[in-house]
Every structure is written in structure tokens, then in C-alpha cells.
Amino acid sequence: MSEVPRDIQNREDINIMVRAFYDRLLNDDRISYLFGEVKGEHLEEHFDILCDFWESVLFFTGQYKRNTMLKHLSLHDKHALTSEHFQIWLAYFNETVDGLFQGEKSRLAKERAHSIAVIMQMKIKEMDQWGS
């Protein structure tokens, strides 16, 4: 009988999740081109930023001090982010979390990822509508 995965417990678990998630994203041609600026030598720095973000979201550490929305709106200016991109992103995120972890923090991570995707799409639509 297979063992039930444990829940996300700390930054090390978040790091495992982020790296597995990005392994999927960076190997999918439908979305990988969006990560051109963070590939290569900037990838480790990006992982640290993402770990700060998810650690703040899941454990309320306050580590993350950046403006996620602004960064993604800027990316949208360079490469139009579509609903398909968000669907792919969210599917890989959920599959990654489900494949590695199970529990309260895992559910919270998936809920927050869904909320982030919805809010970002709303902001992008608003920005496109008003030409900001």
C-alpha cells in the first residue's frame, strides 16, 4: 500500500514544490517562453523569490516584499498572458502539489494559486480595456 503524502511543512517543502512545478512549466512549449528572463543564471534567484512568496502565503512569514501583480502586468505587456496560460499554470501547480503533498497547507496553496490566477486575469482584462 502506498504512503499518503505529508503536508507542506516548511520552506524546504516549498522549495521542492517550486522546483518540481517549474520543471513542468519550463518543459512545456505552450508556456515556457514566458519564463525567458528567469531561465538560466537567474533561475536560482527566481526560486528564492518564489519560495519567499509561498512561505509568506502559507506560513505568514512576511518574507515576500515584492509586487507580484506589477511584475506580471509588465510581463503581459511583453507577451500577452492568455486564459490558456493561466489554465496551464494552474493545472501544473495543482498536479505538482497533489503529487507531492496532501493536507491543509496543500489545499491552501491550491486555493491561493486559483485566487491569484483569477485576480491576475481580472487585472489584465482591466488593463487591456483601459489601455493602462
N, C-alpha and C. Protein backbone atom coordinates (compact mmCIF):
# COMPACT_ATOMS: atom_id res chain seq x y z
N MET A 1 0.84 -1.18 0.00
CA MET A 1 0.00 0.00 0.00
C MET A 1 0.88 1.25 0.00
N SER A 2 0.55 2.23 -0.84
CA SER A 2 1.38 3.42 -0.92
C SER A 2 1.09 4.36 0.25
N GLU A 3 2.13 5.08 0.63
CA GLU A 3 2.03 6.00 1.75
C GLU A 3 1.36 7.30 1.30
N VAL A 4 0.47 7.85 2.14
CA VAL A 4 -0.18 9.12 1.84
C VAL A 4 0.86 10.23 2.01
N PRO A 5 0.96 11.11 1.02
CA PRO A 5 1.93 12.20 1.14
C PRO A 5 1.63 13.08 2.36
N ARG A 6 2.68 13.61 2.94
CA ARG A 6 2.50 14.52 4.07
C ARG A 6 2.20 15.91 3.56
N ASP A 7 1.85 16.79 4.46
CA ASP A 7 1.52 18.16 4.09
C ASP A 7 2.78 19.00 3.94
N ILE A 8 2.63 20.17 3.33
CA ILE A 8 3.71 21.15 3.22
C ILE A 8 3.97 21.66 4.63
N GLN A 9 5.22 21.54 5.09
CA GLN A 9 5.52 21.88 6.48
C GLN A 9 6.51 23.03 6.65
N ASN A 10 7.30 23.33 5.62
CA ASN A 10 8.36 24.32 5.81
C ASN A 10 8.90 24.80 4.46
N ARG A 11 9.90 25.67 4.52
CA ARG A 11 10.48 26.22 3.30
C ARG A 11 11.12 25.14 2.43
N GLU A 12 11.70 24.14 3.04
CA GLU A 12 12.29 23.04 2.26
C GLU A 12 11.23 22.36 1.40
N ASP A 13 10.05 22.14 1.97
CA ASP A 13 8.95 21.55 1.20
C ASP A 13 8.50 22.49 0.07
N ILE A 14 8.46 23.78 0.37
CA ILE A 14 8.09 24.76 -0.65
C ILE A 14 9.11 24.74 -1.78
N ASN A 15 10.38 24.65 -1.44
CA ASN A 15 11.44 24.59 -2.45
C ASN A 15 11.26 23.36 -3.34
N ILE A 16 10.94 22.24 -2.76
CA ILE A 16 10.69 21.01 -3.52
C ILE A 16 9.51 21.22 -4.47
N MET A 17 8.45 21.82 -3.96
CA MET A 17 7.25 22.08 -4.75
C MET A 17 7.56 23.03 -5.91
N VAL A 18 8.23 24.14 -5.62
CA VAL A 18 8.53 25.15 -6.64
C VAL A 18 9.40 24.56 -7.74
N ARG A 19 10.42 23.81 -7.38
CA ARG A 19 11.31 23.23 -8.39
C ARG A 19 10.59 22.20 -9.26
N ALA A 20 9.76 21.38 -8.66
CA ALA A 20 9.01 20.39 -9.43
C ALA A 20 8.00 21.08 -10.35
N PHE A 21 7.36 22.12 -9.85
CA PHE A 21 6.40 22.90 -10.64
C PHE A 21 7.08 23.55 -11.83
N TYR A 22 8.22 24.19 -11.61
CA TYR A 22 8.93 24.85 -12.69
C TYR A 22 9.53 23.86 -13.68
N ASP A 23 9.85 22.68 -13.23
CA ASP A 23 10.33 21.65 -14.15
C ASP A 23 9.24 21.37 -15.19
N ARG A 24 8.00 21.34 -14.75
CA ARG A 24 6.88 21.13 -15.68
C ARG A 24 6.69 22.34 -16.60
N LEU A 25 6.67 23.53 -16.00
CA LEU A 25 6.44 24.75 -16.80
C LEU A 25 7.50 24.95 -17.87
N LEU A 26 8.74 24.77 -17.47
CA LEU A 26 9.85 25.05 -18.39
C LEU A 26 10.00 24.01 -19.49
N ASN A 27 9.28 22.89 -19.34
CA ASN A 27 9.33 21.85 -20.37
C ASN A 27 8.08 21.79 -21.23
N ASP A 28 7.26 22.83 -21.13
CA ASP A 28 6.04 22.90 -21.93
C ASP A 28 6.16 24.12 -22.85
N ASP A 29 6.28 23.88 -24.14
CA ASP A 29 6.48 24.96 -25.12
C ASP A 29 5.32 25.95 -25.15
N ARG A 30 4.15 25.54 -24.69
CA ARG A 30 3.00 26.44 -24.70
C ARG A 30 3.16 27.59 -23.71
N ILE A 31 4.05 27.42 -22.73
CA ILE A 31 4.17 28.43 -21.68
C ILE A 31 5.63 28.77 -21.33
N SER A 32 6.55 27.90 -21.64
CA SER A 32 7.94 28.09 -21.20
C SER A 32 8.57 29.38 -21.71
N TYR A 33 8.17 29.84 -22.88
CA TYR A 33 8.76 31.06 -23.43
C TYR A 33 8.49 32.28 -22.55
N LEU A 34 7.46 32.23 -21.73
CA LEU A 34 7.16 33.35 -20.83
C LEU A 34 8.20 33.52 -19.74
N PHE A 35 8.99 32.48 -19.52
CA PHE A 35 9.97 32.50 -18.43
C PHE A 35 11.38 32.76 -18.94
N GLY A 36 11.49 33.35 -20.12
CA GLY A 36 12.79 33.63 -20.73
C GLY A 36 13.72 34.44 -19.85
N GLU A 37 13.16 35.41 -19.12
CA GLU A 37 14.00 36.28 -18.29
C GLU A 37 14.55 35.58 -17.06
N VAL A 38 13.90 34.51 -16.62
CA VAL A 38 14.36 33.84 -15.40
C VAL A 38 15.10 32.54 -15.67
N LYS A 39 15.10 32.10 -16.92
CA LYS A 39 15.82 30.86 -17.24
C LYS A 39 17.32 31.08 -17.08
N GLY A 40 18.04 30.00 -16.97
CA GLY A 40 19.50 30.07 -16.90
C GLY A 40 19.99 30.58 -15.57
N GLU A 41 20.87 31.57 -15.62
CA GLU A 41 21.54 32.04 -14.41
C GLU A 41 20.60 32.72 -13.42
N HIS A 42 19.44 33.17 -13.86
CA HIS A 42 18.51 33.85 -12.96
C HIS A 42 17.51 32.89 -12.32
N LEU A 43 17.54 31.64 -12.69
CA LEU A 43 16.56 30.68 -12.20
C LEU A 43 16.67 30.46 -10.70
N GLU A 44 17.88 30.32 -10.18
CA GLU A 44 18.05 30.11 -8.74
C GLU A 44 17.53 31.31 -7.95
N GLU A 45 17.81 32.50 -8.44
CA GLU A 45 17.31 33.72 -7.78
C GLU A 45 15.77 33.73 -7.81
N HIS A 46 15.21 33.32 -8.94
CA HIS A 46 13.75 33.26 -9.07
C HIS A 46 13.16 32.24 -8.10
N PHE A 47 13.82 31.10 -7.95
CA PHE A 47 13.35 30.09 -6.99
C PHE A 47 13.32 30.67 -5.58
N ASP A 48 14.34 31.42 -5.19
CA ASP A 48 14.37 32.05 -3.87
C ASP A 48 13.20 33.01 -3.69
N ILE A 49 12.92 33.79 -4.72
CA ILE A 49 11.80 34.73 -4.67
C ILE A 49 10.48 33.98 -4.53
N LEU A 50 10.32 32.93 -5.32
CA LEU A 50 9.09 32.13 -5.25
C LEU A 50 8.93 31.46 -3.90
N CYS A 51 10.03 30.98 -3.34
CA CYS A 51 9.96 30.37 -2.01
C CYS A 51 9.57 31.40 -0.96
N ASP A 52 10.11 32.62 -1.07
CA ASP A 52 9.70 33.71 -0.18
C ASP A 52 8.20 33.95 -0.30
N PHE A 53 7.72 34.01 -1.55
CA PHE A 53 6.31 34.26 -1.79
C PHE A 53 5.43 33.19 -1.14
N TRP A 54 5.70 31.92 -1.47
CA TRP A 54 4.84 30.85 -0.95
C TRP A 54 5.01 30.65 0.55
N GLU A 55 6.18 30.92 1.07
CA GLU A 55 6.37 30.85 2.52
C GLU A 55 5.52 31.92 3.21
N SER A 56 5.46 33.12 2.61
CA SER A 56 4.62 34.19 3.15
C SER A 56 3.14 33.83 3.05
N VAL A 57 2.73 33.25 1.92
CA VAL A 57 1.33 32.88 1.71
C VAL A 57 0.90 31.78 2.68
N LEU A 58 1.72 30.75 2.82
CA LEU A 58 1.32 29.58 3.60
C LEU A 58 1.62 29.68 5.10
N PHE A 59 2.69 30.41 5.43
CA PHE A 59 3.11 30.45 6.84
C PHE A 59 3.18 31.86 7.41
N PHE A 60 2.73 32.85 6.62
CA PHE A 60 2.62 34.24 7.07
C PHE A 60 3.94 34.78 7.63
N THR A 61 5.04 34.49 6.94
CA THR A 61 6.36 34.89 7.42
C THR A 61 6.70 36.34 7.08
N GLY A 62 6.04 36.90 6.09
CA GLY A 62 6.36 38.26 5.67
C GLY A 62 7.65 38.37 4.90
N GLN A 63 8.18 37.24 4.43
CA GLN A 63 9.44 37.22 3.68
C GLN A 63 9.33 37.94 2.34
N TYR A 64 8.17 37.84 1.70
CA TYR A 64 8.00 38.36 0.35
C TYR A 64 7.66 39.84 0.41
N LYS A 65 8.46 40.66 -0.28
CA LYS A 65 8.31 42.11 -0.22
C LYS A 65 8.08 42.74 -1.60
N ARG A 66 7.87 41.95 -2.61
CA ARG A 66 7.75 42.46 -3.98
C ARG A 66 6.29 42.64 -4.38
N ASN A 67 6.08 43.25 -5.54
CA ASN A 67 4.75 43.45 -6.08
C ASN A 67 4.51 42.43 -7.21
N THR A 68 3.89 41.34 -6.84
CA THR A 68 3.64 40.25 -7.80
C THR A 68 2.80 40.72 -8.97
N MET A 69 1.76 41.48 -8.67
CA MET A 69 0.85 41.91 -9.74
C MET A 69 1.59 42.78 -10.76
N LEU A 70 2.34 43.75 -10.29
CA LEU A 70 3.06 44.65 -11.19
C LEU A 70 4.02 43.87 -12.10
N LYS A 71 4.72 42.90 -11.53
CA LYS A 71 5.66 42.09 -12.31
C LYS A 71 4.94 41.35 -13.44
N HIS A 72 3.76 40.80 -13.14
CA HIS A 72 3.04 40.04 -14.14
C HIS A 72 2.33 40.93 -15.16
N LEU A 73 1.91 42.12 -14.74
CA LEU A 73 1.34 43.06 -15.70
C LEU A 73 2.42 43.53 -16.67
N SER A 74 3.62 43.71 -16.18
CA SER A 74 4.75 44.06 -17.03
C SER A 74 5.06 42.94 -18.02
N LEU A 75 5.01 41.71 -17.54
CA LEU A 75 5.21 40.55 -18.42
C LEU A 75 4.13 40.52 -19.51
N HIS A 76 2.90 40.81 -19.13
CA HIS A 76 1.79 40.82 -20.08
C HIS A 76 2.03 41.85 -21.18
N ASP A 77 2.65 42.97 -20.83
CA ASP A 77 2.98 43.99 -21.85
C ASP A 77 3.94 43.43 -22.91
N LYS A 78 4.82 42.52 -22.50
CA LYS A 78 5.81 41.94 -23.42
C LYS A 78 5.25 40.73 -24.17
N HIS A 79 4.53 39.89 -23.46
CA HIS A 79 3.96 38.65 -24.01
C HIS A 79 2.55 38.52 -23.46
N ALA A 80 1.57 38.70 -24.29
CA ALA A 80 0.18 38.65 -23.83
C ALA A 80 -0.11 37.36 -23.06
N LEU A 81 -0.51 37.52 -21.81
CA LEU A 81 -0.90 36.38 -21.00
C LEU A 81 -2.37 36.07 -21.27
N THR A 82 -2.64 34.83 -21.66
CA THR A 82 -3.99 34.43 -22.04
C THR A 82 -4.60 33.52 -20.98
N SER A 83 -5.89 33.30 -21.11
CA SER A 83 -6.55 32.38 -20.17
C SER A 83 -5.94 30.98 -20.29
N GLU A 84 -5.50 30.61 -21.49
CA GLU A 84 -4.84 29.30 -21.65
C GLU A 84 -3.56 29.22 -20.81
N HIS A 85 -2.78 30.30 -20.78
CA HIS A 85 -1.57 30.31 -19.96
C HIS A 85 -1.92 30.06 -18.49
N PHE A 86 -2.95 30.73 -18.03
CA PHE A 86 -3.34 30.57 -16.62
C PHE A 86 -3.89 29.17 -16.36
N GLN A 87 -4.62 28.60 -17.31
CA GLN A 87 -5.12 27.23 -17.16
C GLN A 87 -3.97 26.23 -17.08
N ILE A 88 -2.98 26.40 -17.94
CA ILE A 88 -1.81 25.53 -17.93
C ILE A 88 -1.07 25.67 -16.61
N TRP A 89 -0.82 26.93 -16.22
CA TRP A 89 -0.11 27.23 -14.97
C TRP A 89 -0.81 26.59 -13.77
N LEU A 90 -2.11 26.78 -13.70
CA LEU A 90 -2.88 26.26 -12.57
C LEU A 90 -2.95 24.73 -12.59
N ALA A 91 -3.10 24.15 -13.76
CA ALA A 91 -3.14 22.68 -13.84
C ALA A 91 -1.82 22.08 -13.37
N TYR A 92 -0.70 22.64 -13.84
CA TYR A 92 0.60 22.13 -13.40
C TYR A 92 0.81 22.36 -11.91
N PHE A 93 0.37 23.50 -11.41
CA PHE A 93 0.53 23.78 -9.98
C PHE A 93 -0.24 22.74 -9.16
N ASN A 94 -1.51 22.53 -9.50
CA ASN A 94 -2.32 21.57 -8.75
C ASN A 94 -1.78 20.16 -8.86
N GLU A 95 -1.37 19.75 -10.06
CA GLU A 95 -0.79 18.42 -10.24
C GLU A 95 0.48 18.25 -9.42
N THR A 96 1.30 19.29 -9.39
CA THR A 96 2.55 19.23 -8.63
C THR A 96 2.27 19.09 -7.14
N VAL A 97 1.40 19.95 -6.62
CA VAL A 97 1.07 19.88 -5.20
C VAL A 97 0.46 18.53 -4.86
N ASP A 98 -0.51 18.09 -5.65
CA ASP A 98 -1.17 16.81 -5.37
C ASP A 98 -0.22 15.62 -5.46
N GLY A 99 0.77 15.72 -6.32
CA GLY A 99 1.73 14.63 -6.47
C GLY A 99 2.74 14.56 -5.33
N LEU A 100 2.91 15.65 -4.62
CA LEU A 100 3.92 15.71 -3.57
C LEU A 100 3.37 15.77 -2.15
N PHE A 101 2.24 16.44 -1.98
CA PHE A 101 1.74 16.74 -0.64
C PHE A 101 0.24 16.55 -0.55
N GLN A 102 -0.21 16.46 0.70
CA GLN A 102 -1.64 16.36 0.96
C GLN A 102 -1.90 16.90 2.36
N GLY A 103 -2.89 17.77 2.49
CA GLY A 103 -3.24 18.31 3.79
C GLY A 103 -3.71 19.74 3.72
N GLU A 104 -3.83 20.37 4.88
CA GLU A 104 -4.37 21.73 4.99
C GLU A 104 -3.56 22.76 4.21
N LYS A 105 -2.24 22.77 4.38
CA LYS A 105 -1.40 23.75 3.68
C LYS A 105 -1.40 23.49 2.17
N SER A 106 -1.47 22.25 1.78
CA SER A 106 -1.54 21.90 0.36
C SER A 106 -2.83 22.43 -0.26
N ARG A 107 -3.94 22.25 0.44
CA ARG A 107 -5.21 22.79 -0.04
C ARG A 107 -5.15 24.32 -0.10
N LEU A 108 -4.57 24.93 0.93
CA LEU A 108 -4.44 26.38 0.95
C LEU A 108 -3.60 26.87 -0.24
N ALA A 109 -2.52 26.19 -0.53
CA ALA A 109 -1.66 26.57 -1.66
C ALA A 109 -2.47 26.54 -2.96
N LYS A 110 -3.24 25.49 -3.17
CA LYS A 110 -4.04 25.38 -4.40
C LYS A 110 -5.14 26.44 -4.44
N GLU A 111 -5.76 26.72 -3.31
CA GLU A 111 -6.78 27.77 -3.25
C GLU A 111 -6.18 29.13 -3.58
N ARG A 112 -5.03 29.42 -2.99
CA ARG A 112 -4.38 30.71 -3.24
C ARG A 112 -3.92 30.82 -4.69
N ALA A 113 -3.41 29.74 -5.25
CA ALA A 113 -2.98 29.76 -6.65
C ALA A 113 -4.18 30.06 -7.56
N HIS A 114 -5.32 29.44 -7.26
CA HIS A 114 -6.53 29.70 -8.04
C HIS A 114 -6.93 31.17 -7.92
N SER A 115 -6.93 31.69 -6.70
CA SER A 115 -7.28 33.10 -6.48
C SER A 115 -6.34 34.03 -7.22
N ILE A 116 -5.05 33.72 -7.17
CA ILE A 116 -4.05 34.54 -7.86
C ILE A 116 -4.33 34.55 -9.37
N ALA A 117 -4.61 33.38 -9.93
CA ALA A 117 -4.89 33.29 -11.37
C ALA A 117 -6.12 34.11 -11.74
N VAL A 118 -7.17 34.02 -10.93
CA VAL A 118 -8.41 34.77 -11.22
C VAL A 118 -8.15 36.27 -11.13
N ILE A 119 -7.51 36.71 -10.06
CA ILE A 119 -7.26 38.14 -9.87
C ILE A 119 -6.34 38.69 -10.96
N MET A 120 -5.31 37.96 -11.29
CA MET A 120 -4.40 38.44 -12.34
C MET A 120 -5.12 38.57 -13.67
N GLN A 121 -5.97 37.61 -13.99
CA GLN A 121 -6.71 37.69 -15.25
C GLN A 121 -7.67 38.88 -15.25
N MET A 122 -8.28 39.16 -14.10
CA MET A 122 -9.16 40.32 -13.99
C MET A 122 -8.38 41.61 -14.20
N LYS A 123 -7.21 41.72 -13.58
CA LYS A 123 -6.38 42.92 -13.70
C LYS A 123 -5.88 43.09 -15.13
N ILE A 124 -5.50 41.99 -15.77
CA ILE A 124 -5.04 42.05 -17.16
C ILE A 124 -6.16 42.51 -18.07
N LYS A 125 -7.35 41.97 -17.87
CA LYS A 125 -8.51 42.37 -18.67
C LYS A 125 -8.80 43.85 -18.47
N GLU A 126 -8.74 44.30 -17.23
CA GLU A 126 -8.96 45.71 -16.92
C GLU A 126 -7.90 46.59 -17.58
N MET A 127 -6.64 46.16 -17.49
CA MET A 127 -5.55 46.92 -18.08
C MET A 127 -5.74 47.00 -19.61
N ASP A 128 -6.09 45.88 -20.23
CA ASP A 128 -6.30 45.88 -21.68
C ASP A 128 -7.48 46.76 -22.08
N GLN A 129 -8.52 46.73 -21.26
CA GLN A 129 -9.72 47.51 -21.55
C GLN A 129 -9.44 49.01 -21.47
N TRP A 130 -8.67 49.41 -20.48
CA TRP A 130 -8.44 50.83 -20.25
C TRP A 130 -7.11 51.32 -20.85
N GLY A 131 -6.35 50.38 -21.39
CA GLY A 131 -5.10 50.76 -22.06
C GLY A 131 -4.05 51.34 -21.13
N SER A 132 -4.02 50.85 -19.89
CA SER A 132 -3.04 51.37 -18.90
C SER A 132 -1.67 50.84 -19.14
